[in-house]
Amino acid sequence: MRKLILRSLLLSTLVSLPLSIPVWAQASTVAPNVVLGTGTDKVDVTSRFRGRDILVFGALSHPGQVIVALRSPDSAVAVTRKTQMGPIWVTGKKVTVSHFPGVLQILSSAPVDQILSPARLDALGLDPRGILAHATYEPEPADPGSWQQAVLHNKEKQGAYRINPHGVRVQDGRLFSAHLLLPASLPLGAYELDVYLVHNGRVLAQSAQKIDVLQVGLEEWVARFADQKPWLFGIVLTLFLATLGLGLGIIMQRKN
């Protein structure tokens, strides 16, 4: 309810911008701008986390197309290629792909390739294939294109990479809204949210915001403990597993 009230206040304030000035005069005197708001700036991840829907909304100073992009911190994944040996398939070459966003969501009011040129999309990090082309592959494969396609396919299947050419709704040329869908499995850290106002192939204005995705609860304590004191965490974990194994052994012996 509180979020709805805040959103209503923001939108009512934006709508009440100087109405006594004709629209054509406002467009010629006001510098292009995008006012950005979100339903939350923090996402708590627990063991019960199953994904999250984040509302993005705001107002535009000038008419145009809108692109909303959400990027997570860089991550790394290991990709393996299966090889057929006779009648069976076995695990073949393994390549580690790093230095690319673990989560990428690009929503727009029209297909992005109709809004901006390929070069501009690549420069702004709005082309998933371009992002994967600039990633690091170790060891470097002879056919990087097929590995890039494999990573992109897996990310799309997991819901981590989502491209929606009609995911932004623009109302009366002034207000916009979109829904970002975070997957259940995602990297932690500060996510970058960018909104672009585009007209005639040019970015007129841009607005940015951070969304913190943090682990909370017991999982956060265990992760912090393992990161700060890995040697002690290893000892405690070994003792715990040994005690658990001993207890299970005693229980099985009593049952027999």
C-alpha atoms as a PDB file:
ATOM      1  CA  MET A   1       0.000   0.000   0.000  1.00  0.00           C
ATOM      2  CA  ARG A   2       2.844   2.371   0.889  1.00  0.00           C
ATOM      3  CA  LYS A   3       4.559   1.723  -2.452  1.00  0.00           C
ATOM      4  CA  LEU A   4       1.303   2.411  -4.298  1.00  0.00           C
ATOM      5  CA  ILE A   5       0.878   5.718  -2.478  1.00  0.00           C
ATOM      6  CA  LEU A   6       4.461   6.776  -3.253  1.00  0.00           C
ATOM      7  CA  ARG A   7       3.986   5.866  -6.896  1.00  0.00           C
ATOM      8  CA  SER A   8       0.740   7.851  -7.082  1.00  0.00           C
ATOM      9  CA  LEU A   9       2.391  10.892  -5.502  1.00  0.00           C
ATOM     10  CA  LEU A  10       5.301  10.725  -7.949  1.00  0.00           C
ATOM     11  CA  LEU A  11       3.106  10.360 -11.001  1.00  0.00           C
ATOM     12  CA  SER A  12       0.698  13.091  -9.878  1.00  0.00           C
ATOM     13  CA  THR A  13       3.651  15.426  -9.353  1.00  0.00           C
ATOM     14  CA  LEU A  14       5.029  14.658 -12.792  1.00  0.00           C
ATOM     15  CA  VAL A  15       1.678  15.088 -14.465  1.00  0.00           C
ATOM     16  CA  SER A  16       1.292  18.501 -12.806  1.00  0.00           C
ATOM     17  CA  LEU A  17       4.384  19.896 -14.554  1.00  0.00           C
ATOM     18  CA  PRO A  18       3.651  23.367 -15.998  1.00  0.00           C
ATOM     19  CA  LEU A  19       0.483  22.764 -17.955  1.00  0.00           C
ATOM     20  CA  SER A  20       0.064  26.447 -18.776  1.00  0.00           C
ATOM     21  CA  ILE A  21       2.938  26.161 -21.255  1.00  0.00           C
ATOM     22  CA  PRO A  22       1.978  24.598 -24.591  1.00  0.00           C
ATOM     23  CA  VAL A  23       3.381  21.119 -25.208  1.00  0.00           C
ATOM     24  CA  TRP A  24       5.401  22.309 -28.218  1.00  0.00           C
ATOM     25  CA  ALA A  25       6.926  25.086 -26.113  1.00  0.00           C
ATOM     26  CA  GLN A  26       7.820  22.689 -23.293  1.00  0.00           C
ATOM     27  CA  ALA A  27       9.582  20.341 -25.723  1.00  0.00           C
ATOM     28  CA  SER A  28      11.667  23.211 -27.060  1.00  0.00           C
ATOM     29  CA  THR A  29      12.619  24.766 -23.709  1.00  0.00           C
ATOM     30  CA  VAL A  30      12.936  21.796 -21.333  1.00  0.00           C
ATOM     31  CA  ALA A  31      16.095  19.681 -21.534  1.00  0.00           C
ATOM     32  CA  PRO A  32      15.374  15.986 -22.226  1.00  0.00           C
ATOM     33  CA  ASN A  33      15.016  14.077 -18.988  1.00  0.00           C
ATOM     34  CA  VAL A  34      13.806  10.765 -17.582  1.00  0.00           C
ATOM     35  CA  VAL A  35      12.417  10.477 -14.050  1.00  0.00           C
ATOM     36  CA  LEU A  36      12.864   6.920 -12.773  1.00  0.00           C
ATOM     37  CA  GLY A  37      11.209   5.083  -9.906  1.00  0.00           C
ATOM     38  CA  THR A  38      11.062   1.443  -8.768  1.00  0.00           C
ATOM     39  CA  GLY A  39       8.871  -0.618  -6.488  1.00  0.00           C
ATOM     40  CA  THR A  40      11.972  -1.486  -4.434  1.00  0.00           C
ATOM     41  CA  ASP A  41      15.706  -0.820  -4.370  1.00  0.00           C
ATOM     42  CA  LYS A  42      16.583  -3.947  -2.403  1.00  0.00           C
ATOM     43  CA  VAL A  43      15.916  -7.648  -2.973  1.00  0.00           C
ATOM     44  CA  ASP A  44      16.416 -10.091  -0.095  1.00  0.00           C
ATOM     45  CA  VAL A  45      17.473 -13.596  -1.103  1.00  0.00           C
ATOM     46  CA  THR A  46      16.714 -16.456   1.290  1.00  0.00           C
ATOM     47  CA  SER A  47      16.490 -20.230   0.943  1.00  0.00           C
ATOM     48  CA  ARG A  48      12.841 -19.743  -0.057  1.00  0.00           C
ATOM     49  CA  PHE A  49      13.581 -17.203  -2.782  1.00  0.00           C
ATOM     50  CA  ARG A  50      11.711 -18.118  -5.973  1.00  0.00           C
ATOM     51  CA  GLY A  51      12.298 -14.999  -8.027  1.00  0.00           C
ATOM     52  CA  ARG A  52      10.971 -11.463  -7.843  1.00  0.00           C
ATOM     53  CA  ASP A  53       8.842  -9.093  -9.893  1.00  0.00           C
ATOM     54  CA  ILE A  54      10.125  -5.496  -9.792  1.00  0.00           C
ATOM     55  CA  LEU A  55       7.979  -2.633 -11.033  1.00  0.00           C
ATOM     56  CA  VAL A  56       9.824   0.120 -12.912  1.00  0.00           C
ATOM     57  CA  PHE A  57       7.977   3.348 -13.686  1.00  0.00           C
ATOM     58  CA  GLY A  58       8.602   6.995 -14.383  1.00  0.00           C
ATOM     59  CA  ALA A  59       7.971   9.975 -16.632  1.00  0.00           C
ATOM     60  CA  LEU A  60       9.402  11.392 -19.844  1.00  0.00           C
ATOM     61  CA  SER A  61      10.056  15.041 -20.644  1.00  0.00           C
ATOM     62  CA  HIS A  62       9.868  14.391 -24.395  1.00  0.00           C
ATOM     63  CA  PRO A  63       8.061  11.821 -26.552  1.00  0.00           C
ATOM     64  CA  GLY A  64      10.064   8.851 -27.749  1.00  0.00           C
ATOM     65  CA  GLN A  65      10.784   5.169 -27.329  1.00  0.00           C
ATOM     66  CA  VAL A  66      11.900   3.754 -23.969  1.00  0.00           C
ATOM     67  CA  ILE A  67      14.455   1.045 -23.191  1.00  0.00           C
ATOM     68  CA  VAL A  68      14.759  -0.436 -19.684  1.00  0.00           C
ATOM     69  CA  ALA A  69      17.895  -2.504 -18.974  1.00  0.00           C
ATOM     70  CA  LEU A  70      18.876  -4.383 -15.831  1.00  0.00           C
ATOM     71  CA  ARG A  71      22.376  -5.834 -15.475  1.00  0.00           C
ATOM     72  CA  SER A  72      23.791  -7.905 -12.634  1.00  0.00           C
ATOM     73  CA  PRO A  73      27.460  -7.965 -11.598  1.00  0.00           C
ATOM     74  CA  ASP A  74      29.738 -10.077 -13.783  1.00  0.00           C
ATOM     75  CA  SER A  75      29.690 -13.823 -13.274  1.00  0.00           C
ATOM     76  CA  ALA A  76      31.390 -16.939 -14.605  1.00  0.00           C
ATOM     77  CA  VAL A  77      29.989 -20.229 -15.850  1.00  0.00           C
ATOM     78  CA  ALA A  78      31.561 -23.481 -16.998  1.00  0.00           C
ATOM     79  CA  VAL A  79      30.215 -24.802 -20.289  1.00  0.00           C
ATOM     80  CA  THR A  80      30.853 -28.344 -21.478  1.00  0.00           C
ATOM     81  CA  ARG A  81      30.298 -29.859 -24.892  1.00  0.00           C
ATOM     82  CA  LYS A  82      29.186 -33.448 -25.223  1.00  0.00           C
ATOM     83  CA  THR A  83      31.017 -35.635 -27.718  1.00  0.00           C
ATOM     84  CA  GLN A  84      29.673 -38.798 -29.281  1.00  0.00           C
ATOM     85  CA  MET A  85      31.875 -41.862 -29.002  1.00  0.00           C
ATOM     86  CA  GLY A  86      30.199 -44.676 -30.832  1.00  0.00           C
ATOM     87  CA  PRO A  87      26.666 -45.188 -29.486  1.00  0.00           C
ATOM     88  CA  ILE A  88      27.180 -43.107 -26.333  1.00  0.00           C
ATOM     89  CA  TRP A  89      27.686 -39.424 -25.528  1.00  0.00           C
ATOM     90  CA  VAL A  90      30.465 -38.387 -23.143  1.00  0.00           C
ATOM     91  CA  THR A  91      31.515 -35.061 -21.647  1.00  0.00           C
ATOM     92  CA  GLY A  92      33.973 -33.382 -23.961  1.00  0.00           C
ATOM     93  CA  LYS A  93      35.678 -30.014 -23.974  1.00  0.00           C
ATOM     94  CA  LYS A  94      35.069 -27.611 -21.093  1.00  0.00           C
ATOM     95  CA  VAL A  95      35.274 -23.815 -21.410  1.00  0.00           C
ATOM     96  CA  THR A  96      34.920 -21.287 -18.587  1.00  0.00           C
ATOM     97  CA  VAL A  97      33.138 -18.099 -19.631  1.00  0.00           C
ATOM     98  CA  SER A  98      33.596 -15.035 -17.405  1.00  0.00           C
ATOM     99  CA  HIS A  99      33.330 -11.235 -17.321  1.00  0.00           C
ATOM    100  CA  PHE A 100      29.727 -10.969 -18.468  1.00  0.00           C
ATOM    101  CA  PRO A 101      26.479 -10.177 -16.575  1.00  0.00           C
ATOM    102  CA  GLY A 102      24.865 -13.167 -14.891  1.00  0.00           C
ATOM    103  CA  VAL A 103      21.457 -11.528 -15.310  1.00  0.00           C
ATOM    104  CA  LEU A 104      20.455  -9.306 -18.218  1.00  0.00           C
ATOM    105  CA  GLN A 105      16.941  -7.979 -18.789  1.00  0.00           C
ATOM    106  CA  ILE A 106      16.214  -5.651 -21.704  1.00  0.00           C
ATOM    107  CA  LEU A 107      12.656  -4.393 -22.091  1.00  0.00           C
ATOM    108  CA  SER A 108      11.573  -1.793 -24.619  1.00  0.00           C
ATOM    109  CA  SER A 109       8.534  -0.075 -26.076  1.00  0.00           C
ATOM    110  CA  ALA A 110       9.534  -1.312 -29.552  1.00  0.00           C
ATOM    111  CA  PRO A 111      12.163  -3.753 -30.892  1.00  0.00           C
ATOM    112  CA  VAL A 112      15.561  -2.338 -29.937  1.00  0.00           C
ATOM    113  CA  ASP A 113      16.998  -2.962 -33.401  1.00  0.00           C
ATOM    114  CA  GLN A 114      14.367  -0.559 -34.725  1.00  0.00           C
ATOM    115  CA  ILE A 115      15.201   2.065 -32.076  1.00  0.00           C
ATOM    116  CA  LEU A 116      19.013   2.186 -32.190  1.00  0.00           C
ATOM    117  CA  SER A 117      21.736   1.120 -34.590  1.00  0.00           C
ATOM    118  CA  PRO A 118      23.645  -2.136 -33.932  1.00  0.00           C
ATOM    119  CA  ALA A 119      26.802  -0.162 -33.099  1.00  0.00           C
ATOM    120  CA  ARG A 120      24.951   1.976 -30.553  1.00  0.00           C
ATOM    121  CA  LEU A 121      23.294  -1.064 -28.985  1.00  0.00           C
ATOM    122  CA  ASP A 122      26.682  -2.726 -28.604  1.00  0.00           C
ATOM    123  CA  ALA A 123      28.227   0.425 -27.100  1.00  0.00           C
ATOM    124  CA  LEU A 124      25.432   0.692 -24.528  1.00  0.00           C
ATOM    125  CA  GLY A 125      25.592  -3.018 -23.633  1.00  0.00           C
ATOM    126  CA  LEU A 126      22.112  -3.686 -25.005  1.00  0.00           C
ATOM    127  CA  ASP A 127      23.098  -6.523 -27.347  1.00  0.00           C
ATOM    128  CA  PRO A 128      23.383  -9.903 -25.557  1.00  0.00           C
ATOM    129  CA  ARG A 129      25.446 -11.391 -28.376  1.00  0.00           C
ATOM    130  CA  GLY A 130      27.780  -8.418 -28.300  1.00  0.00           C
ATOM    131  CA  ILE A 131      28.161  -8.776 -24.529  1.00  0.00           C
ATOM    132  CA  LEU A 132      29.057 -12.462 -24.873  1.00  0.00           C
ATOM    133  CA  ALA A 133      31.442 -11.652 -27.723  1.00  0.00           C
ATOM    134  CA  HIS A 134      33.404  -9.437 -25.315  1.00  0.00           C
ATOM    135  CA  ALA A 135      33.414 -12.048 -22.528  1.00  0.00           C
ATOM    136  CA  THR A 136      36.509 -14.050 -21.574  1.00  0.00           C
ATOM    137  CA  TYR A 137      36.770 -17.701 -22.674  1.00  0.00           C
ATOM    138  CA  GLU A 138      39.332 -20.013 -21.064  1.00  0.00           C
ATOM    139  CA  PRO A 139      40.733 -21.893 -22.822  1.00  0.00           C
ATOM    140  CA  GLU A 140      39.927 -19.873 -25.928  1.00  0.00           C
ATOM    141  CA  PRO A 141      37.857 -22.066 -28.274  1.00  0.00           C
ATOM    142  CA  ALA A 142      38.435 -22.337 -31.998  1.00  0.00           C
ATOM    143  CA  ASP A 143      34.733 -21.639 -32.653  1.00  0.00           C
ATOM    144  CA  PRO A 144      33.697 -18.979 -30.077  1.00  0.00           C
ATOM    145  CA  GLY A 145      30.372 -18.351 -31.835  1.00  0.00           C
ATOM    146  CA  SER A 146      28.967 -21.766 -30.928  1.00  0.00           C
ATOM    147  CA  TRP A 147      29.994 -21.349 -27.282  1.00  0.00           C
ATOM    148  CA  GLN A 148      28.439 -17.889 -27.159  1.00  0.00           C
ATOM    149  CA  GLN A 149      25.212 -19.321 -28.536  1.00  0.00           C
ATOM    150  CA  ALA A 150      25.277 -22.108 -25.933  1.00  0.00           C
ATOM    151  CA  VAL A 151      25.690 -19.636 -23.062  1.00  0.00           C
ATOM    152  CA  LEU A 152      22.922 -17.410 -24.422  1.00  0.00           C
ATOM    153  CA  HIS A 153      20.569 -20.375 -24.843  1.00  0.00           C
ATOM    154  CA  ASN A 154      21.174 -21.565 -21.270  1.00  0.00           C
ATOM    155  CA  LYS A 155      20.698 -18.074 -19.836  1.00  0.00           C
ATOM    156  CA  GLU A 156      17.431 -17.602 -21.717  1.00  0.00           C
ATOM    157  CA  LYS A 157      16.232 -21.030 -20.604  1.00  0.00           C
ATOM    158  CA  GLN A 158      16.972 -20.157 -16.953  1.00  0.00           C
ATOM    159  CA  GLY A 159      15.168 -16.827 -17.280  1.00  0.00           C
ATOM    160  CA  ALA A 160      18.360 -14.916 -16.476  1.00  0.00           C
ATOM    161  CA  TYR A 161      18.485 -13.305 -19.934  1.00  0.00           C
ATOM    162  CA  ARG A 162      15.159 -11.832 -21.006  1.00  0.00           C
ATOM    163  CA  ILE A 163      14.548  -9.661 -24.047  1.00  0.00           C
ATOM    164  CA  ASN A 164      11.025  -8.263 -24.436  1.00  0.00           C
ATOM    165  CA  PRO A 165      10.520  -5.826 -27.346  1.00  0.00           C
ATOM    166  CA  HIS A 166       7.107  -4.840 -25.986  1.00  0.00           C
ATOM    167  CA  GLY A 167       7.838  -4.971 -22.262  1.00  0.00           C
ATOM    168  CA  VAL A 168       7.615  -1.195 -21.684  1.00  0.00           C
ATOM    169  CA  ARG A 169       4.239   0.493 -21.709  1.00  0.00           C
ATOM    170  CA  VAL A 170       4.181   4.211 -22.540  1.00  0.00           C
ATOM    171  CA  GLN A 171       1.036   6.110 -21.587  1.00  0.00           C
ATOM    172  CA  ASP A 172       0.085   9.413 -23.223  1.00  0.00           C
ATOM    173  CA  GLY A 173       3.700   9.885 -24.296  1.00  0.00           C
ATOM    174  CA  ARG A 174       4.602  10.939 -20.750  1.00  0.00           C
ATOM    175  CA  LEU A 175       4.451   7.980 -18.348  1.00  0.00           C
ATOM    176  CA  PHE A 176       6.053   4.569 -18.709  1.00  0.00           C
ATOM    177  CA  SER A 177       6.034   1.313 -16.759  1.00  0.00           C
ATOM    178  CA  ALA A 178       7.649  -2.124 -17.012  1.00  0.00           C
ATOM    179  CA  HIS A 179       8.002  -5.302 -14.971  1.00  0.00           C
ATOM    180  CA  LEU A 180      11.398  -6.917 -14.423  1.00  0.00           C
ATOM    181  CA  LEU A 181      11.308 -10.625 -13.564  1.00  0.00           C
ATOM    182  CA  LEU A 182      14.298 -11.820 -11.535  1.00  0.00           C
ATOM    183  CA  PRO A 183      14.997 -15.577 -11.736  1.00  0.00           C
ATOM    184  CA  ALA A 184      15.212 -17.836  -8.693  1.00  0.00           C
ATOM    185  CA  SER A 185      18.957 -18.386  -9.195  1.00  0.00           C
ATOM    186  CA  LEU A 186      20.906 -15.179  -9.585  1.00  0.00           C
ATOM    187  CA  PRO A 187      24.229 -13.568  -8.575  1.00  0.00           C
ATOM    188  CA  LEU A 188      24.336 -11.267  -5.569  1.00  0.00           C
ATOM    189  CA  GLY A 189      25.501  -7.664  -5.557  1.00  0.00           C
ATOM    190  CA  ALA A 190      24.547  -4.257  -6.890  1.00  0.00           C
ATOM    191  CA  TYR A 191      22.449  -4.443 -10.062  1.00  0.00           C
ATOM    192  CA  GLU A 192      22.496  -1.572 -12.542  1.00  0.00           C
ATOM    193  CA  LEU A 193      19.131  -0.329 -13.769  1.00  0.00           C
ATOM    194  CA  ASP A 194      19.220   2.047 -16.763  1.00  0.00           C
ATOM    195  CA  VAL A 195      16.374   3.710 -18.614  1.00  0.00           C
ATOM    196  CA  TYR A 196      16.966   5.335 -22.013  1.00  0.00           C
ATOM    197  CA  LEU A 197      14.738   7.815 -23.810  1.00  0.00           C
ATOM    198  CA  VAL A 198      15.336   7.455 -27.554  1.00  0.00           C
ATOM    199  CA  HIS A 199      14.067   9.528 -30.459  1.00  0.00           C
ATOM    200  CA  ASN A 200      15.045   9.261 -34.123  1.00  0.00           C
ATOM    201  CA  GLY A 201      17.917   6.901 -33.352  1.00  0.00           C
ATOM    202  CA  ARG A 202      19.426   9.164 -30.675  1.00  0.00           C
ATOM    203  CA  VAL A 203      19.518   8.744 -26.906  1.00  0.00           C
ATOM    204  CA  LEU A 204      17.975  11.960 -25.608  1.00  0.00           C
ATOM    205  CA  ALA A 205      18.222  11.165 -21.907  1.00  0.00           C
ATOM    206  CA  GLN A 206      19.264   8.418 -19.523  1.00  0.00           C
ATOM    207  CA  SER A 207      18.485   7.675 -15.882  1.00  0.00           C
ATOM    208  CA  ALA A 208      20.205   5.114 -13.655  1.00  0.00           C
ATOM    209  CA  GLN A 209      19.577   3.446 -10.314  1.00  0.00           C
ATOM    210  CA  LYS A 210      21.084   0.672  -8.211  1.00  0.00           C
ATOM    211  CA  ILE A 211      19.156  -2.344  -6.940  1.00  0.00           C
ATOM    212  CA  ASP A 212      20.907  -4.330  -4.216  1.00  0.00           C
ATOM    213  CA  VAL A 213      20.395  -8.098  -4.294  1.00  0.00           C
ATOM    214  CA  LEU A 214      21.530  -9.405  -0.913  1.00  0.00           C
ATOM    215  CA  GLN A 215      21.535 -12.731   0.853  1.00  0.00           C
ATOM    216  CA  VAL A 216      19.879 -12.569   4.283  1.00  0.00           C
ATOM    217  CA  GLY A 217      19.181 -14.904   7.176  1.00  0.00           C
ATOM    218  CA  LEU A 218      21.199 -18.015   8.074  1.00  0.00           C
ATOM    219  CA  GLU A 219      22.473 -18.377   4.511  1.00  0.00           C
ATOM    220  CA  GLU A 220      24.023 -14.899   4.668  1.00  0.00           C
ATOM    221  CA  TRP A 221      25.744 -15.674   7.989  1.00  0.00           C
ATOM    222  CA  VAL A 222      27.178 -18.953   6.672  1.00  0.00           C
ATOM    223  CA  ALA A 223      28.374 -17.308   3.450  1.00  0.00           C
ATOM    224  CA  ARG A 224      30.035 -14.443   5.326  1.00  0.00           C
ATOM    225  CA  PHE A 225      31.648 -16.842   7.809  1.00  0.00           C
ATOM    226  CA  ALA A 226      33.021 -19.013   4.980  1.00  0.00           C
ATOM    227  CA  ASP A 227      34.355 -15.954   3.152  1.00  0.00           C
ATOM    228  CA  GLN A 228      35.981 -14.256   6.153  1.00  0.00           C
ATOM    229  CA  LYS A 229      37.403 -17.361   7.876  1.00  0.00           C
ATOM    230  CA  PRO A 230      37.609 -20.151   5.315  1.00  0.00           C
ATOM    231  CA  TRP A 231      40.085 -22.251   7.323  1.00  0.00           C
ATOM    232  CA  LEU A 232      37.875 -22.204  10.436  1.00  0.00           C
ATOM    233  CA  PHE A 233      34.782 -22.844   8.340  1.00  0.00           C
ATOM    234  CA  GLY A 234      36.477 -25.910   6.846  1.00  0.00           C
ATOM    235  CA  ILE A 235      37.341 -27.274  10.289  1.00  0.00           C
ATOM    236  CA  VAL A 236      33.834 -26.690  11.652  1.00  0.00           C
ATOM    237  CA  LEU A 237      32.236 -28.243   8.578  1.00  0.00           C
ATOM    238  CA  THR A 238      34.513 -31.306   8.778  1.00  0.00           C
ATOM    239  CA  LEU A 239      33.730 -31.816  12.475  1.00  0.00           C
ATOM    240  CA  PHE A 240      30.009 -31.382  11.841  1.00  0.00           C
ATOM    241  CA  LEU A 241      29.987 -33.933   9.024  1.00  0.00           C
ATOM    242  CA  ALA A 242      32.079 -36.370  11.069  1.00  0.00           C
ATOM    243  CA  THR A 243      29.691 -36.052  14.023  1.00  0.00           C
ATOM    244  CA  LEU A 244      26.694 -36.463  11.727  1.00  0.00           C
ATOM    245  CA  GLY A 245      28.207 -39.576  10.163  1.00  0.00           C
ATOM    246  CA  LEU A 246      29.020 -41.045  13.574  1.00  0.00           C
ATOM    247  CA  GLY A 247      25.484 -40.381  14.807  1.00  0.00           C
ATOM    248  CA  LEU A 248      23.930 -42.007  11.753  1.00  0.00           C
ATOM    249  CA  GLY A 249      26.249 -45.018  12.164  1.00  0.00           C
ATOM    250  CA  ILE A 250      25.167 -45.494  15.773  1.00  0.00           C
ATOM    251  CA  ILE A 251      21.488 -45.240  14.821  1.00  0.00           C
ATOM    252  CA  MET A 252      21.876 -47.825  12.052  1.00  0.00           C
ATOM    253  CA  GLN A 253      23.682 -50.227  14.381  1.00  0.00           C
ATOM    254  CA  ARG A 254      20.905 -49.961  16.961  1.00  0.00           C
ATOM    255  CA  LYS A 255      18.287 -50.665  14.308  1.00  0.00           C
ATOM    256  CA  ASN A 256      20.182 -53.803  13.239  1.00  0.00           C
END
